[in-house]
Structure formats: structure tokens, C-alpha cells
Amino acid sequence: MAKAKPKSKAGVKAPTSAVPPDLGTLEADILAEIERAADLAALDAVRVAALGKKGRVSALMRSISEVPPEERKAFGQAVNGLKARINAALEARKAALASAALEARLARERADITLPVRPGPLAEGRVHPVSQVMEEITEIFADMGFSIAEGPDIETDENNFTKLNIPPEHPARQEHDTFYFNARDGRDGARLVLRTHTSPVQIRTMESSEPPIRIIAPGRVYRCDSDQTHTPMFHQVEGLVIDTETHMGHLKWCLEAFAKAFFEVDTVKMRFRASHFPFTEPSMEVDIGYSKVGDALRIGEGDDWMEILGCGMVHPNVLRNVGYDPEVHQGFAFGVGIDRLAMLKYGMADLRAFFAADLRWLAHYGFPPLDVPSLARGLSS
């Protein structure tokens, strides 16, 4: 019995002549579909239908092996030519559609060159109020002849408390107020703490320097406290002056000059109230006069009082602890919260927002990076 004539793998009867009569029709149909494609997605669908794994031209390519040997060469050339022409038509239509899409996008996204230049990152960035106020304070005290001193955030219990004349039973040394490390973290078994004030910088400075000394020590400090006006980490600046002649009058002048420069007022009302700090004797708390107009505070005037800092003459025991003779040397010290100064000057009600990393808050209260504080032109101009 004679064998049946083979069929292609796609189920299409193998052609019986070198150029099948329907090959031209297939090409015309595919070229028409290419021309009708309105976008790149539609064009890709036409490509897959024609040249994809299961496409019409791909089916003809697979059927070449089933064509009689004497017709195979001519048939293969015809199918390959069809494939090449379709590929060329696809590329041409793709270029045309891409060009049309680009023209449409350029028309849609046209830039108005008459608009002002948009500010770049340098103009849009903002300096945090704490950093700005720290620079303002530094500018003021540098003008008075103070230098800047720094120390580590992790301090020994001795520098943070003992050498500052703070007794063992003082509440500040309890764990409910201070962050302690393990008992033997320090050298020679010394206990370490996160410093509760920047006063240890004063100790380090006096131990490594001889009078006269005139420094301020800004930096981070840590205490177990958190509410609307307190955070576990905050910023403080302390000042220290040591020589042989400094007295309370110098301290008062220094603080009044600082308050007038910082709050940018011509006059300021201040009062000194007796207080007690272990590291100063006598000790005082300083209040500044203010008045309230609506939600705004006018610092330096009015009949209301607000505490802003603590100060006093350096205690003789502190001088002895660093190797100074209190019969020869004396001086004053003061400390003020940088965050609270920023709140007073720039009207920020909640201290917790300082550390919330909210870009909206920073955009509102922050300072342009080129707005460097200067006494010559005004600190906050």
C-alpha cells in the first residue's frame, strides 16, 4: 500500500510547488496588519502572530523539511524572503511609531522656558534649628573671646559627677535619672555613663590646661526624661571662665550680652535668683523678662519671667579636684539648653518634633544652608 503524503508539524499540508499560490496573499495580509498597528504594543502583537514560535511564517519555516527535495530550495528561498520583508516592514513601522510617540510626548511635556529657574538641592535643603542655634551661640561667644571645647558623649562617673563635687547620694546619680553602662566598662574598672551635661568637658579642659581659660562646650547630653519639653537626648552648651580676677559682675555682663545678641534685642530684663548646684558656689538661676502677644513671645521685655539657664562661681572643691589652688584661681560657669533656646527664639512648641525626622517640619522651621549666622548682618536675618 502506498504511503500517505506527509503533513507539516503544524497540521498544514505541505506545499506542492516552489511558490505556493497563497504566499503572496499571506504577505499582503501581514503587511496590512503592520500598517494598521496604531502603537508599539499593537505592532508587537502583529510580530508575534507572524514570526513568533507559533506564528504563520514560523509554521512555513518548519514545513520546509517536508517539501519534496526538488522544490525545497525554491520554497525555502521564498519563505526566507517573506520573513526578511516582514522584519523590514516591522522595523520601519516601529521607527515611525517611536518617532510619532516622541513627537507626542514632546508636545505634551513642553517646557515653558519663560518660567523662573527652579531652585536646586542647595536652595531646597534646610539646616536643622538645633544646628543653626548652635552656630549662633558659637558666633556670639567667639566674638567675646571664648574658644570651643569638645569631649566624648560616653564619660566616666568620676568626670561626670565626682570631680564636679556631686555627692554619691545626689538624685542625679541614681539610675532613674542617668544612663549607666555596665560597672566595669571603663579603664581600671571605672563605671561609664552617657554624660548628663557637658560639664565633664570643663573638667577635661582644666586638667589639660593652665589658666586663664575661657571656653564654651556645646554638645549632646542624655537623661532619663521624655515629655513635651524634655527628651532622653538633647543639646546643651556650657561656659567656663577661670583666671585670678573674674567675679560675679563679669558673669552678669557676659550673660546679659549673650541674651541681647542671641534674641537680637537692644535691651533685656534679667534677674538672678539664688539657687544650689553642687559645682558652683554661689549658684544662681537666671530668668529673662518676656511678654506675650497672641501666640508670639517678645523676649527681653514685659512683666512675666522665664527661666533660661543656671550659673554660678566655680566651687572651690571643683578647682581642687583638677589641681588648681582656689586661693589663687577663681571663675564662673553657666549652662543652657540649646533646644530650649531654639524653642523660645523661633516659636516651636514641642521639643519632640526636633527628633521626629519630619521633612515638612524641617522645611517650615529649618534654615537655608547658606544662611550662616553672623553678628555683622544679624544672626537670623
Protein backbone atom coordinates (compact mmCIF):
# COMPACT_ATOMS: atom_id res chain seq x y z
CA MET A 1 0.00 0.00 0.00
CA ALA A 2 1.33 3.43 -0.92
CA LYS A 3 2.25 5.73 1.98
CA ALA A 4 0.21 8.90 2.61
CA LYS A 5 1.81 12.19 1.67
CA PRO A 6 3.46 13.75 4.77
CA LYS A 7 1.94 16.79 6.50
CA SER A 8 3.68 19.59 8.29
CA LYS A 9 4.02 19.62 12.09
CA ALA A 10 1.52 22.47 12.25
CA GLY A 11 -1.10 20.36 10.55
CA VAL A 12 -0.82 22.29 7.26
CA LYS A 13 -0.49 20.28 4.09
CA ALA A 14 2.97 20.64 2.64
CA PRO A 15 3.10 22.82 -0.45
CA THR A 16 3.36 21.05 -3.80
CA SER A 17 5.00 23.84 -5.79
CA ALA A 18 8.03 26.07 -5.22
CA VAL A 19 5.92 29.20 -4.71
CA PRO A 20 2.52 28.38 -3.19
CA PRO A 21 -0.29 30.46 -4.60
CA ASP A 22 -1.26 31.76 -1.14
CA LEU A 23 2.23 33.05 -0.08
CA GLY A 24 1.68 36.45 -1.70
CA THR A 25 -1.72 36.75 -0.03
CA LEU A 26 -0.15 35.92 3.37
CA GLU A 27 2.47 38.62 2.87
CA ALA A 28 -0.13 41.19 1.87
CA ASP A 29 -2.25 40.38 4.93
CA ILE A 30 0.69 40.67 7.35
CA LEU A 31 1.93 43.91 5.77
CA ALA A 32 -1.56 45.36 6.05
CA GLU A 33 -1.73 44.40 9.75
CA ILE A 34 1.66 46.06 10.28
CA GLU A 35 0.44 49.24 8.64
CA ARG A 36 -2.73 49.26 10.76
CA ALA A 37 -0.82 48.93 14.07
CA ALA A 38 -1.52 52.15 15.97
CA ASP A 39 1.14 51.80 18.65
CA LEU A 40 4.15 49.75 19.65
CA ALA A 41 2.08 47.28 21.66
CA ALA A 42 -0.20 46.52 18.70
CA LEU A 43 2.83 46.21 16.42
CA ASP A 44 4.42 43.69 18.76
CA ALA A 45 1.23 41.62 18.69
CA VAL A 46 1.43 41.51 14.88
CA ARG A 47 5.09 40.44 15.10
CA VAL A 48 4.29 37.58 17.48
CA ALA A 49 1.38 36.41 15.28
CA ALA A 50 3.64 36.34 12.22
CA LEU A 51 7.13 35.48 13.45
CA GLY A 52 6.58 34.13 16.94
CA LYS A 53 7.07 30.49 17.88
CA LYS A 54 3.54 29.67 16.74
CA GLY A 55 3.31 32.39 14.07
CA ARG A 56 2.16 31.89 10.47
CA VAL A 57 5.57 32.48 8.89
CA SER A 58 7.26 30.31 11.51
CA ALA A 59 4.89 27.47 10.59
CA LEU A 60 6.01 27.74 6.96
CA MET A 61 9.66 27.70 8.07
CA ARG A 62 9.07 24.45 9.97
CA SER A 63 7.41 22.87 6.93
CA ILE A 64 10.46 23.29 4.65
CA SER A 65 11.75 19.85 5.57
CA GLU A 66 8.51 18.27 4.30
CA VAL A 67 8.71 19.80 0.82
CA PRO A 68 9.89 17.44 -1.97
CA PRO A 69 13.65 17.69 -2.39
CA GLU A 70 13.45 19.15 -5.90
CA GLU A 71 11.21 22.02 -4.66
CA ARG A 72 12.76 22.58 -1.22
CA LYS A 73 15.38 25.14 -2.28
CA ALA A 74 12.97 27.42 -4.09
CA PHE A 75 10.39 27.15 -1.33
CA GLY A 76 12.94 27.92 1.38
CA GLN A 77 14.17 30.98 -0.52
CA ALA A 78 10.62 32.23 -0.92
CA VAL A 79 9.79 31.81 2.79
CA ASN A 80 13.09 33.38 3.91
CA GLY A 81 12.45 36.30 1.58
CA LEU A 82 8.96 36.69 3.07
CA LYS A 83 10.39 36.67 6.59
CA ALA A 84 13.04 39.27 5.69
CA ARG A 85 10.47 41.60 4.11
CA ILE A 86 8.16 41.29 7.10
CA ASN A 87 11.06 42.02 9.50
CA ALA A 88 11.99 45.08 7.45
CA ALA A 89 8.37 46.27 7.47
CA LEU A 90 8.18 45.73 11.24
CA GLU A 91 11.36 47.74 11.86
CA ALA A 92 10.21 50.57 9.61
CA ARG A 93 6.80 50.74 11.28
CA LYS A 94 8.45 50.56 14.73
CA ALA A 95 10.69 53.52 13.91
CA ALA A 96 7.71 55.50 12.62
CA LEU A 97 5.62 54.76 15.71
CA ALA A 98 8.53 55.58 18.06
CA SER A 99 9.08 58.89 16.28
CA ALA A 100 5.36 59.72 16.48
CA ALA A 101 5.32 58.81 20.19
CA LEU A 102 8.33 61.04 20.82
CA GLU A 103 6.69 63.94 18.96
CA ALA A 104 3.52 63.50 21.02
CA ARG A 105 5.48 63.37 24.26
CA LEU A 106 7.47 66.48 23.38
CA ALA A 107 4.26 68.33 22.58
CA ARG A 108 2.67 67.12 25.82
CA GLU A 109 5.67 67.83 28.07
CA ARG A 110 6.78 71.08 26.53
CA ALA A 111 8.74 73.25 28.98
CA ASP A 112 7.92 76.91 29.34
CA ILE A 113 11.37 78.49 29.21
CA THR A 114 9.92 81.81 30.36
CA LEU A 115 9.34 80.39 33.87
CA PRO A 116 11.92 81.24 36.55
CA VAL A 117 14.68 78.72 37.21
CA ARG A 118 13.67 76.07 39.74
CA PRO A 119 15.76 76.07 42.93
CA GLY A 120 18.22 73.23 43.18
CA PRO A 121 19.08 70.98 46.16
CA LEU A 122 21.34 73.65 47.67
CA ALA A 123 18.42 76.08 47.90
CA GLU A 124 15.81 73.47 48.91
CA GLY A 125 17.89 71.83 51.67
CA ARG A 126 17.43 73.02 55.24
CA VAL A 127 19.70 73.27 58.29
CA HIS A 128 18.13 71.89 61.48
CA PRO A 129 17.20 74.60 64.03
CA VAL A 130 19.45 72.99 66.65
CA SER A 131 22.44 73.19 64.31
CA GLN A 132 21.59 76.77 63.41
CA VAL A 133 21.20 77.88 67.04
CA MET A 134 24.46 76.15 67.95
CA GLU A 135 26.18 78.17 65.23
CA GLU A 136 24.56 81.36 66.54
CA ILE A 137 25.77 80.67 70.07
CA THR A 138 29.27 79.88 68.81
CA GLU A 139 29.34 83.12 66.82
CA ILE A 140 28.35 85.18 69.87
CA PHE A 141 30.82 83.68 72.31
CA ALA A 142 33.64 83.61 69.76
CA ASP A 143 33.17 87.37 69.49
CA MET A 144 33.65 87.56 73.29
CA GLY A 145 36.94 85.67 73.08
CA PHE A 146 35.71 82.17 74.00
CA SER A 147 37.10 79.08 72.29
CA ILE A 148 35.17 75.87 71.57
CA ALA A 149 35.94 72.74 73.60
CA GLU A 150 34.60 69.23 72.98
CA GLY A 151 34.56 65.91 74.80
CA PRO A 152 33.19 62.36 74.44
CA ASP A 153 29.50 61.54 74.90
CA ILE A 154 30.50 58.49 76.96
CA GLU A 155 32.11 59.70 80.17
CA THR A 156 33.45 58.26 83.40
CA ASP A 157 31.35 58.52 86.51
CA GLU A 158 34.24 60.43 88.07
CA ASN A 159 34.34 63.19 85.43
CA ASN A 160 30.57 63.41 85.15
CA PHE A 161 29.84 63.52 88.88
CA THR A 162 32.67 63.11 91.40
CA LYS A 163 35.08 65.80 90.18
CA LEU A 164 32.13 68.18 89.84
CA ASN A 165 31.50 67.91 93.56
CA ILE A 166 28.28 65.90 93.12
CA PRO A 167 27.93 63.63 96.19
CA PRO A 168 27.17 59.88 95.91
CA GLU A 169 23.65 60.33 97.32
CA HIS A 170 22.68 63.06 94.85
CA PRO A 171 19.47 62.22 92.87
CA ALA A 172 21.22 62.88 89.56
CA ARG A 173 23.44 59.86 90.22
CA GLN A 174 20.50 57.47 90.50
CA GLU A 175 19.65 55.14 87.63
CA HIS A 176 16.20 56.66 87.21
CA ASP A 177 17.92 59.86 86.00
CA THR A 178 21.15 58.68 84.34
CA PHE A 179 22.03 56.13 81.64
CA TYR A 180 24.76 53.87 83.09
CA PHE A 181 26.88 51.29 81.32
CA ASN A 182 27.98 48.05 82.96
CA ALA A 183 30.00 48.53 86.14
CA ARG A 184 33.39 47.56 84.63
CA ASP A 185 33.22 49.03 81.15
CA GLY A 186 35.84 51.71 81.76
CA ARG A 187 39.57 51.54 82.32
CA ASP A 188 40.62 50.29 85.74
CA GLY A 189 37.01 49.26 86.38
CA ALA A 190 35.68 52.82 86.20
CA ARG A 191 31.95 52.98 85.58
CA LEU A 192 30.87 54.74 82.39
CA VAL A 193 27.79 56.86 81.77
CA LEU A 194 26.20 58.77 78.93
CA ARG A 195 27.10 62.28 80.06
CA THR A 196 24.23 64.12 81.70
CA HIS A 197 25.71 67.56 80.94
CA THR A 198 28.70 68.96 79.09
CA SER A 199 30.41 69.90 82.38
CA PRO A 200 32.87 66.97 82.04
CA VAL A 201 34.38 68.94 79.15
CA GLN A 202 35.21 71.65 81.71
CA ILE A 203 36.98 69.05 83.87
CA ARG A 204 38.97 67.71 80.91
CA THR A 205 39.92 71.24 79.84
CA MET A 206 41.09 72.29 83.31
CA GLU A 207 43.09 69.09 83.76
CA SER A 208 44.91 69.59 80.47
CA SER A 209 45.32 73.40 80.53
CA GLU A 210 46.56 76.15 82.78
CA PRO A 211 44.56 79.33 83.47
CA PRO A 212 43.45 81.63 82.03
CA ILE A 213 40.66 79.57 80.48
CA ARG A 214 37.68 80.85 78.52
CA ILE A 215 35.68 78.13 76.73
CA ILE A 216 32.19 77.07 75.78
CA ALA A 217 31.32 73.38 75.41
CA PRO A 218 28.31 72.63 73.16
CA GLY A 219 27.15 69.07 72.57
CA ARG A 220 24.67 66.25 73.13
CA VAL A 221 23.69 65.16 76.63
CA TYR A 222 21.47 62.33 77.90
CA ARG A 223 18.97 61.93 80.74
CA CYS A 224 16.08 59.56 81.51
CA ASP A 225 13.31 62.04 80.74
CA SER A 226 10.72 62.39 77.99
CA ASP A 227 7.74 64.72 77.58
CA GLN A 228 6.71 67.81 75.61
CA THR A 229 9.71 69.82 76.82
CA HIS A 230 12.20 67.02 77.65
CA THR A 231 13.80 64.27 75.58
CA PRO A 232 16.24 61.48 76.52
CA MET A 233 18.84 63.12 74.31
CA PHE A 234 19.11 66.88 73.98
CA HIS A 235 21.70 69.60 73.42
CA GLN A 236 23.43 71.85 75.90
CA VAL A 237 26.14 74.48 75.93
CA GLU A 238 28.20 75.30 78.99
CA GLY A 239 30.64 78.10 79.52
CA LEU A 240 33.69 78.30 81.77
CA VAL A 241 36.00 81.18 82.66
CA ILE A 242 38.94 80.63 85.03
CA ASP A 243 41.57 83.22 85.97
CA THR A 244 42.65 85.16 89.06
CA GLU A 245 40.25 88.13 88.93
CA THR A 246 36.87 87.03 87.48
CA HIS A 247 33.86 87.80 89.69
CA MET A 248 30.05 87.87 89.65
CA GLY A 249 29.94 91.18 87.80
CA HIS A 250 31.76 89.62 84.86
CA LEU A 251 29.32 86.71 84.87
CA LYS A 252 26.30 89.02 84.82
CA TRP A 253 27.70 91.13 81.99
CA CYS A 254 28.57 88.04 79.95
CA LEU A 255 25.07 86.57 80.21
CA GLU A 256 23.32 89.87 79.51
CA ALA A 257 25.49 90.45 76.44
CA PHE A 258 24.74 86.93 75.23
CA ALA A 259 20.97 87.32 75.74
CA LYS A 260 20.85 90.62 73.84
CA ALA A 261 22.89 89.23 70.95
CA PHE A 262 21.03 85.91 70.75
CA PHE A 263 17.50 87.31 70.95
CA GLU A 264 18.57 90.31 68.85
CA VAL A 265 17.16 92.97 71.17
CA ASP A 266 18.67 96.26 72.33
CA THR A 267 17.77 95.80 75.98
CA VAL A 268 16.94 92.79 78.07
CA LYS A 269 15.38 92.32 81.52
CA MET A 270 17.18 89.66 83.54
CA ARG A 271 17.11 88.63 87.17
CA PHE A 272 19.39 86.33 89.13
CA ARG A 273 17.81 84.10 91.78
CA ALA A 274 19.76 82.26 94.44
CA SER A 275 19.85 78.52 93.84
CA HIS A 276 22.05 75.50 94.53
CA PHE A 277 24.26 73.49 92.19
CA PRO A 278 26.98 71.20 93.61
CA PHE A 279 29.63 72.54 91.22
CA THR A 280 29.12 76.29 91.82
CA GLU A 281 29.09 78.47 94.93
CA PRO A 282 27.26 80.79 94.98
CA SER A 283 24.76 79.42 92.44
CA MET A 284 22.01 81.24 90.59
CA GLU A 285 19.18 80.61 88.19
CA VAL A 286 18.65 83.29 85.56
CA ASP A 287 15.22 84.48 84.41
CA ILE A 288 14.53 86.66 81.41
CA GLY A 289 11.60 89.03 81.05
CA TYR A 290 9.04 88.48 78.29
CA SER A 291 5.57 89.47 77.15
CA LYS A 292 3.08 87.50 75.10
CA VAL A 293 1.28 88.99 72.11
CA GLY A 294 -1.15 86.43 70.75
CA ASP A 295 0.88 83.25 70.32
CA ALA A 296 4.17 85.15 69.94
CA LEU A 297 6.67 85.79 72.73
CA ARG A 298 8.59 89.05 72.93
CA ILE A 299 11.80 88.20 74.73
CA GLY A 300 13.57 90.81 76.84
CA GLU A 301 10.54 92.91 77.78
CA GLY A 302 7.32 92.62 79.76
CA ASP A 303 6.44 91.72 83.32
CA ASP A 304 6.49 87.91 83.01
CA TRP A 305 9.59 85.89 83.78
CA MET A 306 11.01 82.73 82.23
CA GLU A 307 13.96 80.67 83.46
CA ILE A 308 16.59 80.17 80.76
CA LEU A 309 19.80 78.97 82.43
CA GLY A 310 21.78 78.19 85.57
CA CYS A 311 25.14 79.64 86.57
CA GLY A 312 27.48 80.49 89.41
CA MET A 313 31.05 80.82 90.59
CA VAL A 314 33.06 77.60 90.23
CA HIS A 315 33.07 75.71 93.54
CA PRO A 316 36.48 75.58 95.29
CA ASN A 317 36.20 71.78 95.51
CA VAL A 318 35.97 71.54 91.74
CA LEU A 319 39.12 73.64 91.42
CA ARG A 320 40.93 71.40 93.89
CA ASN A 321 39.78 68.25 92.03
CA VAL A 322 41.57 69.41 88.86
CA GLY A 323 44.72 70.56 90.64
CA TYR A 324 44.03 74.31 90.87
CA ASP A 325 44.53 76.36 94.03
CA PRO A 326 41.18 78.05 94.90
CA GLU A 327 43.13 80.66 96.86
CA VAL A 328 44.71 81.78 93.59
CA HIS A 329 42.24 80.92 90.86
CA GLN A 330 38.51 81.52 90.56
CA GLY A 331 35.95 81.80 87.79
CA PHE A 332 32.37 81.26 86.71
CA ALA A 333 30.40 78.65 84.80
CA PHE A 334 26.97 78.53 83.21
CA GLY A 335 24.84 76.06 81.29
CA VAL A 336 21.84 76.45 78.98
CA GLY A 337 19.74 74.08 76.85
CA ILE A 338 20.24 74.73 73.14
CA ASP A 339 16.93 73.09 72.19
CA ARG A 340 15.01 75.29 74.63
CA LEU A 341 16.71 78.42 73.30
CA ALA A 342 15.63 77.41 69.79
CA MET A 343 12.05 76.90 71.00
CA LEU A 344 11.98 80.34 72.63
CA LYS A 345 13.51 82.23 69.73
CA TYR A 346 11.72 80.56 66.83
CA GLY A 347 8.37 79.62 68.38
CA MET A 348 8.45 75.82 68.37
CA ALA A 349 6.04 74.36 70.92
CA ASP A 350 7.00 70.68 71.12
CA LEU A 351 10.59 69.55 71.69
CA ARG A 352 9.82 66.02 70.45
CA ALA A 353 9.35 67.33 66.90
CA PHE A 354 13.08 68.19 66.87
CA PHE A 355 13.91 64.48 66.61
CA ALA A 356 10.94 63.17 64.57
CA ALA A 357 12.73 63.40 61.17
CA ASP A 358 9.65 65.05 59.62
CA LEU A 359 10.71 66.80 56.40
CA ARG A 360 7.61 69.00 56.47
CA TRP A 361 8.58 70.31 59.91
CA LEU A 362 12.17 70.84 58.79
CA ALA A 363 11.04 72.66 55.63
CA HIS A 364 8.99 75.03 57.83
CA TYR A 365 11.42 75.64 60.70
CA GLY A 366 14.76 74.88 59.03
CA PHE A 367 17.25 77.42 57.68
CA PRO A 368 18.76 77.81 54.20
CA PRO A 369 22.24 76.24 54.11
CA LEU A 370 23.84 79.50 53.01
CA ASP A 371 22.24 81.47 55.86
CA VAL A 372 25.36 81.35 58.03
CA PRO A 373 24.91 83.24 61.34
CA SER A 374 26.90 86.46 61.53
CA LEU A 375 26.89 89.25 64.09
CA ALA A 376 27.76 91.73 61.35
CA ARG A 377 24.48 91.28 59.44
CA GLY A 378 22.25 89.82 62.17
CA LEU A 379 22.14 86.23 63.35
CA SER A 380 18.73 85.31 61.90
CA SER A 381 18.44 87.79 59.01
